[in-house]
Amino acid sequence: MNKSDNWKILQIIPAQSGWTAVHCQESKNHEITIFNRPIICWAVVEAVADTAAVRREVRGVEQESNVLAVVDDFINAEQVDGSGTDQNQYFLGYNDPDAHKESHYWMKQANERLRMEREKDQRRGIA
């Protein structure tokens, strides 16, 4: 697992089939794409940071391209495509196989998350 730089894995727990991590991404023309990645397993993780407080959580481990990665709040794009489009993918939540959440639910979550990200960028003077 070479994509878990922010987390130290303490324990791995099997995941029930059907769980997914839901992410979104916005294109330059403001079209939203929703990604569902299967949860391979759950992991008890500890944040790797310079803070005094130890923070432990249970996070999903998902298949991202050809590597396994601890689900994080966003996947930072390593590069911006030729059109200048922000390629970051933002985590929306876990989809429980028994909950049967519809796509309009995830689109609403994506719109809210992307709005919050734009506001953060504006406050930092990035947008």
N, C-alpha and C. Protein backbone atom coordinates (compact mmCIF):
# COMPACT_ATOMS: atom_id res chain seq x y z
N MET A 1 0.84 -1.17 0.00
CA MET A 1 0.00 0.00 0.00
C MET A 1 0.88 1.23 0.00
N ASN A 2 1.15 1.74 -1.15
CA ASN A 2 2.06 2.87 -1.23
C ASN A 2 1.35 4.20 -1.35
N LYS A 3 0.04 4.27 -1.17
CA LYS A 3 -0.70 5.51 -1.27
C LYS A 3 -1.34 5.90 0.07
N SER A 4 -0.69 5.58 1.18
CA SER A 4 -1.25 5.90 2.49
C SER A 4 -0.29 6.78 3.27
N ASP A 5 0.25 7.82 2.63
CA ASP A 5 1.23 8.70 3.25
C ASP A 5 0.71 9.41 4.49
N ASN A 6 -0.60 9.69 4.54
CA ASN A 6 -1.18 10.43 5.66
C ASN A 6 -1.58 9.54 6.82
N TRP A 7 -1.51 8.22 6.63
CA TRP A 7 -2.03 7.29 7.63
C TRP A 7 -1.06 6.15 7.89
N LYS A 8 -0.95 5.78 9.14
CA LYS A 8 -0.19 4.58 9.53
C LYS A 8 -1.23 3.51 9.84
N ILE A 9 -1.15 2.39 9.15
CA ILE A 9 -2.12 1.31 9.33
C ILE A 9 -1.74 0.49 10.55
N LEU A 10 -2.68 0.37 11.50
CA LEU A 10 -2.46 -0.39 12.73
C LEU A 10 -3.07 -1.78 12.66
N GLN A 11 -4.20 -1.91 11.97
CA GLN A 11 -4.89 -3.19 11.87
C GLN A 11 -5.77 -3.19 10.64
N ILE A 12 -5.92 -4.35 10.01
CA ILE A 12 -6.79 -4.50 8.85
C ILE A 12 -7.93 -5.44 9.21
N ILE A 13 -9.13 -5.08 8.75
CA ILE A 13 -10.35 -5.82 9.06
C ILE A 13 -11.06 -6.14 7.74
N PRO A 14 -11.57 -7.35 7.55
CA PRO A 14 -12.26 -7.66 6.29
C PRO A 14 -13.49 -6.77 6.08
N ALA A 15 -13.79 -6.49 4.83
CA ALA A 15 -14.97 -5.69 4.48
C ALA A 15 -16.03 -6.59 3.84
N GLN A 16 -17.27 -6.33 4.19
CA GLN A 16 -18.39 -7.03 3.57
C GLN A 16 -18.44 -6.62 2.10
N SER A 17 -18.77 -7.53 1.24
CA SER A 17 -18.88 -7.24 -0.19
C SER A 17 -19.94 -6.16 -0.44
N GLY A 18 -19.65 -5.25 -1.36
CA GLY A 18 -20.62 -4.24 -1.76
C GLY A 18 -20.35 -2.85 -1.25
N TRP A 19 -19.50 -2.69 -0.25
CA TRP A 19 -19.18 -1.35 0.25
C TRP A 19 -18.34 -0.62 -0.79
N THR A 20 -18.60 0.67 -0.96
CA THR A 20 -17.79 1.49 -1.86
C THR A 20 -17.47 2.83 -1.22
N ALA A 21 -16.37 3.41 -1.66
CA ALA A 21 -16.02 4.78 -1.31
C ALA A 21 -16.47 5.63 -2.49
N VAL A 22 -17.20 6.69 -2.20
CA VAL A 22 -17.75 7.54 -3.26
C VAL A 22 -16.96 8.84 -3.31
N HIS A 23 -16.46 9.18 -4.51
CA HIS A 23 -15.68 10.38 -4.74
C HIS A 23 -16.34 11.18 -5.87
N CYS A 24 -16.02 12.46 -5.94
CA CYS A 24 -16.51 13.27 -7.05
C CYS A 24 -15.37 14.09 -7.62
N GLN A 25 -15.59 14.56 -8.83
CA GLN A 25 -14.64 15.42 -9.53
C GLN A 25 -15.43 16.35 -10.43
N GLU A 26 -14.98 17.59 -10.55
CA GLU A 26 -15.68 18.55 -11.39
C GLU A 26 -14.81 18.91 -12.59
N SER A 27 -15.42 18.90 -13.77
CA SER A 27 -14.69 19.27 -14.98
C SER A 27 -14.69 20.79 -15.14
N LYS A 28 -13.93 21.28 -16.10
CA LYS A 28 -13.82 22.72 -16.33
C LYS A 28 -15.18 23.34 -16.67
N ASN A 29 -16.03 22.58 -17.36
CA ASN A 29 -17.36 23.11 -17.71
C ASN A 29 -18.39 22.77 -16.63
N HIS A 30 -17.91 22.46 -15.40
CA HIS A 30 -18.72 22.25 -14.21
C HIS A 30 -19.59 20.99 -14.24
N GLU A 31 -19.24 20.02 -15.07
CA GLU A 31 -19.93 18.74 -15.02
C GLU A 31 -19.31 17.93 -13.89
N ILE A 32 -20.16 17.26 -13.14
CA ILE A 32 -19.69 16.48 -11.99
C ILE A 32 -19.71 15.00 -12.34
N THR A 33 -18.60 14.34 -12.02
CA THR A 33 -18.49 12.89 -12.20
C THR A 33 -18.40 12.26 -10.82
N ILE A 34 -19.16 11.19 -10.62
CA ILE A 34 -19.14 10.44 -9.37
C ILE A 34 -18.38 9.13 -9.61
N PHE A 35 -17.44 8.82 -8.70
CA PHE A 35 -16.67 7.58 -8.78
C PHE A 35 -17.03 6.70 -7.59
N ASN A 36 -17.29 5.44 -7.82
CA ASN A 36 -17.49 4.45 -6.76
C ASN A 36 -16.34 3.46 -6.84
N ARG A 37 -15.55 3.40 -5.78
CA ARG A 37 -14.44 2.44 -5.75
C ARG A 37 -14.73 1.41 -4.66
N PRO A 38 -14.58 0.14 -4.97
CA PRO A 38 -14.85 -0.90 -3.97
C PRO A 38 -13.92 -0.79 -2.77
N ILE A 39 -14.48 -1.03 -1.59
CA ILE A 39 -13.68 -1.12 -0.37
C ILE A 39 -13.13 -2.54 -0.31
N ILE A 40 -11.82 -2.65 -0.32
CA ILE A 40 -11.15 -3.95 -0.28
C ILE A 40 -11.16 -4.49 1.15
N CYS A 41 -10.89 -3.60 2.11
CA CYS A 41 -10.91 -3.95 3.53
C CYS A 41 -11.03 -2.65 4.33
N TRP A 42 -11.24 -2.77 5.63
CA TRP A 42 -11.23 -1.63 6.54
C TRP A 42 -9.91 -1.64 7.27
N ALA A 43 -9.44 -0.46 7.67
CA ALA A 43 -8.18 -0.37 8.40
C ALA A 43 -8.34 0.57 9.59
N VAL A 44 -7.80 0.16 10.73
CA VAL A 44 -7.65 1.07 11.85
C VAL A 44 -6.37 1.82 11.57
N VAL A 45 -6.47 3.14 11.45
CA VAL A 45 -5.33 3.96 11.07
C VAL A 45 -5.08 5.04 12.10
N GLU A 46 -3.86 5.53 12.09
CA GLU A 46 -3.46 6.65 12.94
C GLU A 46 -2.91 7.72 12.01
N ALA A 47 -3.34 8.96 12.24
CA ALA A 47 -2.87 10.07 11.41
C ALA A 47 -1.37 10.26 11.59
N VAL A 48 -0.68 10.46 10.48
CA VAL A 48 0.75 10.76 10.51
C VAL A 48 0.88 12.26 10.34
N ALA A 49 1.15 12.94 11.46
CA ALA A 49 1.25 14.41 11.43
C ALA A 49 2.12 14.87 12.58
N ASP A 50 2.42 16.15 12.58
CA ASP A 50 3.27 16.74 13.63
C ASP A 50 2.46 17.27 14.80
N THR A 51 1.22 16.79 14.97
CA THR A 51 0.40 17.28 16.07
C THR A 51 0.60 16.41 17.30
N ALA A 52 0.34 16.98 18.46
CA ALA A 52 0.51 16.25 19.72
C ALA A 52 -0.61 15.24 19.94
N ALA A 53 -1.81 15.53 19.41
CA ALA A 53 -2.95 14.65 19.62
C ALA A 53 -2.87 13.46 18.67
N VAL A 54 -3.04 12.26 19.21
CA VAL A 54 -3.06 11.06 18.39
C VAL A 54 -4.50 10.86 17.92
N ARG A 55 -4.68 10.70 16.64
CA ARG A 55 -6.01 10.54 16.08
C ARG A 55 -6.10 9.18 15.38
N ARG A 56 -6.94 8.31 15.91
CA ARG A 56 -7.17 6.99 15.30
C ARG A 56 -8.57 6.94 14.72
N GLU A 57 -8.68 6.29 13.57
CA GLU A 57 -9.95 6.19 12.87
C GLU A 57 -10.02 4.85 12.16
N VAL A 58 -11.23 4.49 11.76
CA VAL A 58 -11.42 3.36 10.85
C VAL A 58 -11.68 3.96 9.48
N ARG A 59 -10.89 3.56 8.52
CA ARG A 59 -11.02 4.06 7.15
C ARG A 59 -11.05 2.87 6.19
N GLY A 60 -11.69 3.08 5.08
CA GLY A 60 -11.70 2.06 4.04
C GLY A 60 -10.38 2.04 3.29
N VAL A 61 -10.07 0.89 2.72
CA VAL A 61 -8.92 0.75 1.82
C VAL A 61 -9.52 0.43 0.46
N GLU A 62 -9.22 1.27 -0.53
CA GLU A 62 -9.83 1.14 -1.84
C GLU A 62 -8.79 0.88 -2.92
N GLN A 63 -9.26 0.37 -4.05
CA GLN A 63 -8.41 0.18 -5.22
C GLN A 63 -8.41 1.49 -5.98
N GLU A 64 -7.25 2.12 -6.10
CA GLU A 64 -7.11 3.37 -6.85
C GLU A 64 -6.10 3.12 -7.96
N SER A 65 -6.57 3.08 -9.18
CA SER A 65 -5.76 2.69 -10.33
C SER A 65 -5.19 1.30 -10.08
N ASN A 66 -3.88 1.17 -9.96
CA ASN A 66 -3.28 -0.15 -9.75
C ASN A 66 -2.67 -0.30 -8.37
N VAL A 67 -3.08 0.55 -7.40
CA VAL A 67 -2.57 0.46 -6.04
C VAL A 67 -3.73 0.46 -5.05
N LEU A 68 -3.45 -0.01 -3.85
CA LEU A 68 -4.42 0.10 -2.76
C LEU A 68 -4.11 1.36 -1.98
N ALA A 69 -5.15 2.07 -1.54
CA ALA A 69 -4.95 3.34 -0.84
C ALA A 69 -5.97 3.47 0.29
N VAL A 70 -5.52 4.04 1.40
CA VAL A 70 -6.44 4.38 2.48
C VAL A 70 -7.30 5.54 1.97
N VAL A 71 -8.62 5.44 2.14
CA VAL A 71 -9.52 6.50 1.69
C VAL A 71 -9.17 7.77 2.44
N ASP A 72 -8.98 8.85 1.68
CA ASP A 72 -8.62 10.13 2.26
C ASP A 72 -9.65 11.16 1.80
N ASP A 73 -9.62 12.35 2.39
CA ASP A 73 -10.61 13.38 2.10
C ASP A 73 -10.54 13.88 0.67
N PHE A 74 -9.37 13.86 0.09
CA PHE A 74 -9.27 14.16 -1.33
C PHE A 74 -8.04 13.48 -1.90
N ILE A 75 -8.12 13.23 -3.19
CA ILE A 75 -6.99 12.65 -3.92
C ILE A 75 -6.41 13.79 -4.73
N ASN A 76 -5.23 14.21 -4.35
CA ASN A 76 -4.59 15.35 -5.00
C ASN A 76 -4.04 14.92 -6.34
N ALA A 77 -4.50 15.59 -7.38
CA ALA A 77 -4.00 15.28 -8.73
C ALA A 77 -2.54 15.65 -8.82
N GLU A 78 -1.75 14.79 -9.43
CA GLU A 78 -0.33 15.07 -9.57
C GLU A 78 -0.07 16.08 -10.67
N GLN A 79 -1.03 16.22 -11.57
CA GLN A 79 -0.87 17.19 -12.64
C GLN A 79 -2.23 17.69 -13.07
N VAL A 80 -2.23 18.85 -13.70
CA VAL A 80 -3.44 19.42 -14.26
C VAL A 80 -3.40 19.15 -15.74
N ASP A 81 -4.55 18.73 -16.31
CA ASP A 81 -4.55 18.39 -17.73
C ASP A 81 -4.36 19.64 -18.59
N GLY A 82 -4.22 19.47 -19.89
CA GLY A 82 -3.92 20.57 -20.80
C GLY A 82 -4.93 21.69 -20.80
N SER A 83 -6.18 21.40 -20.41
CA SER A 83 -7.21 22.45 -20.40
C SER A 83 -7.19 23.26 -19.12
N GLY A 84 -6.33 22.90 -18.16
CA GLY A 84 -6.27 23.61 -16.89
C GLY A 84 -7.30 23.14 -15.89
N THR A 85 -7.95 22.02 -16.17
CA THR A 85 -9.01 21.50 -15.31
C THR A 85 -8.43 20.95 -14.01
N ASP A 86 -9.06 21.30 -12.89
CA ASP A 86 -8.70 20.76 -11.58
C ASP A 86 -9.07 19.27 -11.56
N GLN A 87 -8.09 18.42 -11.39
CA GLN A 87 -8.33 16.99 -11.43
C GLN A 87 -8.44 16.35 -10.05
N ASN A 88 -8.51 17.16 -8.98
CA ASN A 88 -8.67 16.61 -7.64
C ASN A 88 -9.98 15.85 -7.54
N GLN A 89 -9.94 14.75 -6.81
CA GLN A 89 -11.15 13.98 -6.53
C GLN A 89 -11.42 14.10 -5.04
N TYR A 90 -12.67 14.40 -4.68
CA TYR A 90 -13.03 14.63 -3.29
C TYR A 90 -13.91 13.50 -2.76
N PHE A 91 -13.58 13.03 -1.57
CA PHE A 91 -14.31 11.95 -0.92
C PHE A 91 -15.65 12.47 -0.42
N LEU A 92 -16.73 11.74 -0.71
CA LEU A 92 -18.07 12.13 -0.29
C LEU A 92 -18.58 11.27 0.87
N GLY A 93 -18.22 10.00 0.88
CA GLY A 93 -18.70 9.12 1.94
C GLY A 93 -18.63 7.66 1.50
N TYR A 94 -19.06 6.80 2.39
CA TYR A 94 -19.10 5.37 2.11
C TYR A 94 -20.52 4.98 1.74
N ASN A 95 -20.66 4.14 0.74
CA ASN A 95 -21.97 3.66 0.33
C ASN A 95 -22.15 2.24 0.86
N ASP A 96 -23.03 2.10 1.81
CA ASP A 96 -23.37 0.84 2.45
C ASP A 96 -24.19 0.00 1.46
N PRO A 97 -23.83 -1.26 1.25
CA PRO A 97 -24.58 -2.07 0.27
C PRO A 97 -26.05 -2.25 0.64
N ASP A 98 -26.41 -2.10 1.91
CA ASP A 98 -27.80 -2.25 2.33
C ASP A 98 -28.57 -0.93 2.30
N ALA A 99 -27.89 0.20 2.13
CA ALA A 99 -28.55 1.50 2.18
C ALA A 99 -29.20 1.87 0.85
N HIS A 100 -28.65 1.41 -0.25
CA HIS A 100 -29.19 1.68 -1.59
C HIS A 100 -29.39 3.17 -1.84
N LYS A 101 -28.36 3.96 -1.56
CA LYS A 101 -28.45 5.40 -1.81
C LYS A 101 -28.46 5.64 -3.31
N GLU A 102 -29.32 6.52 -3.73
CA GLU A 102 -29.50 6.80 -5.15
C GLU A 102 -28.47 7.81 -5.65
N SER A 103 -28.30 7.88 -6.96
CA SER A 103 -27.30 8.78 -7.54
C SER A 103 -27.62 10.25 -7.24
N HIS A 104 -28.91 10.62 -7.14
CA HIS A 104 -29.23 12.03 -6.84
C HIS A 104 -28.74 12.40 -5.44
N TYR A 105 -28.72 11.45 -4.50
CA TYR A 105 -28.18 11.72 -3.17
C TYR A 105 -26.70 12.08 -3.28
N TRP A 106 -25.93 11.30 -4.05
CA TRP A 106 -24.50 11.54 -4.17
C TRP A 106 -24.23 12.81 -4.97
N MET A 107 -25.08 13.16 -5.95
CA MET A 107 -24.90 14.41 -6.68
C MET A 107 -25.11 15.60 -5.75
N LYS A 108 -26.08 15.50 -4.85
CA LYS A 108 -26.31 16.57 -3.88
C LYS A 108 -25.09 16.71 -2.98
N GLN A 109 -24.54 15.59 -2.50
CA GLN A 109 -23.33 15.61 -1.67
C GLN A 109 -22.17 16.22 -2.43
N ALA A 110 -22.03 15.85 -3.71
CA ALA A 110 -20.92 16.36 -4.54
C ALA A 110 -21.04 17.87 -4.73
N ASN A 111 -22.24 18.35 -5.02
CA ASN A 111 -22.43 19.80 -5.19
C ASN A 111 -22.06 20.55 -3.92
N GLU A 112 -22.45 20.02 -2.77
CA GLU A 112 -22.13 20.67 -1.50
C GLU A 112 -20.63 20.65 -1.24
N ARG A 113 -19.99 19.52 -1.48
CA ARG A 113 -18.54 19.41 -1.24
C ARG A 113 -17.76 20.35 -2.15
N LEU A 114 -18.13 20.39 -3.43
CA LEU A 114 -17.42 21.24 -4.38
C LEU A 114 -17.64 22.72 -4.05
N ARG A 115 -18.84 23.08 -3.58
CA ARG A 115 -19.11 24.45 -3.16
C ARG A 115 -18.19 24.82 -1.99
N MET A 116 -18.06 23.90 -1.02
CA MET A 116 -17.19 24.15 0.13
C MET A 116 -15.74 24.30 -0.30
N GLU A 117 -15.28 23.49 -1.24
CA GLU A 117 -13.90 23.58 -1.73
C GLU A 117 -13.67 24.92 -2.43
N ARG A 118 -14.63 25.39 -3.23
CA ARG A 118 -14.49 26.69 -3.90
C ARG A 118 -14.41 27.82 -2.88
N GLU A 119 -15.24 27.73 -1.82
CA GLU A 119 -15.20 28.75 -0.76
C GLU A 119 -13.85 28.76 -0.05
N LYS A 120 -13.31 27.57 0.22
CA LYS A 120 -11.98 27.50 0.86
C LYS A 120 -10.92 28.13 -0.04
N ASP A 121 -10.99 27.84 -1.33
CA ASP A 121 -10.03 28.41 -2.28
C ASP A 121 -10.15 29.92 -2.33
N GLN A 122 -11.38 30.43 -2.30
CA GLN A 122 -11.58 31.88 -2.33
C GLN A 122 -11.00 32.54 -1.09
N ARG A 123 -11.20 31.92 0.09
CA ARG A 123 -10.66 32.48 1.32
C ARG A 123 -9.13 32.50 1.29
N ARG A 124 -8.54 31.51 0.64
CA ARG A 124 -7.07 31.46 0.54
C ARG A 124 -6.56 32.29 -0.63
N GLY A 125 -7.47 32.83 -1.45
CA GLY A 125 -7.07 33.65 -2.58
C GLY A 125 -6.58 32.86 -3.77
N ILE A 126 -7.02 31.60 -3.89
CA ILE A 126 -6.57 30.74 -4.98
C ILE A 126 -7.46 30.91 -6.20
N ALA A 127 -8.76 31.09 -5.99
CA ALA A 127 -9.70 31.12 -7.12
C ALA A 127 -9.71 32.46 -7.82
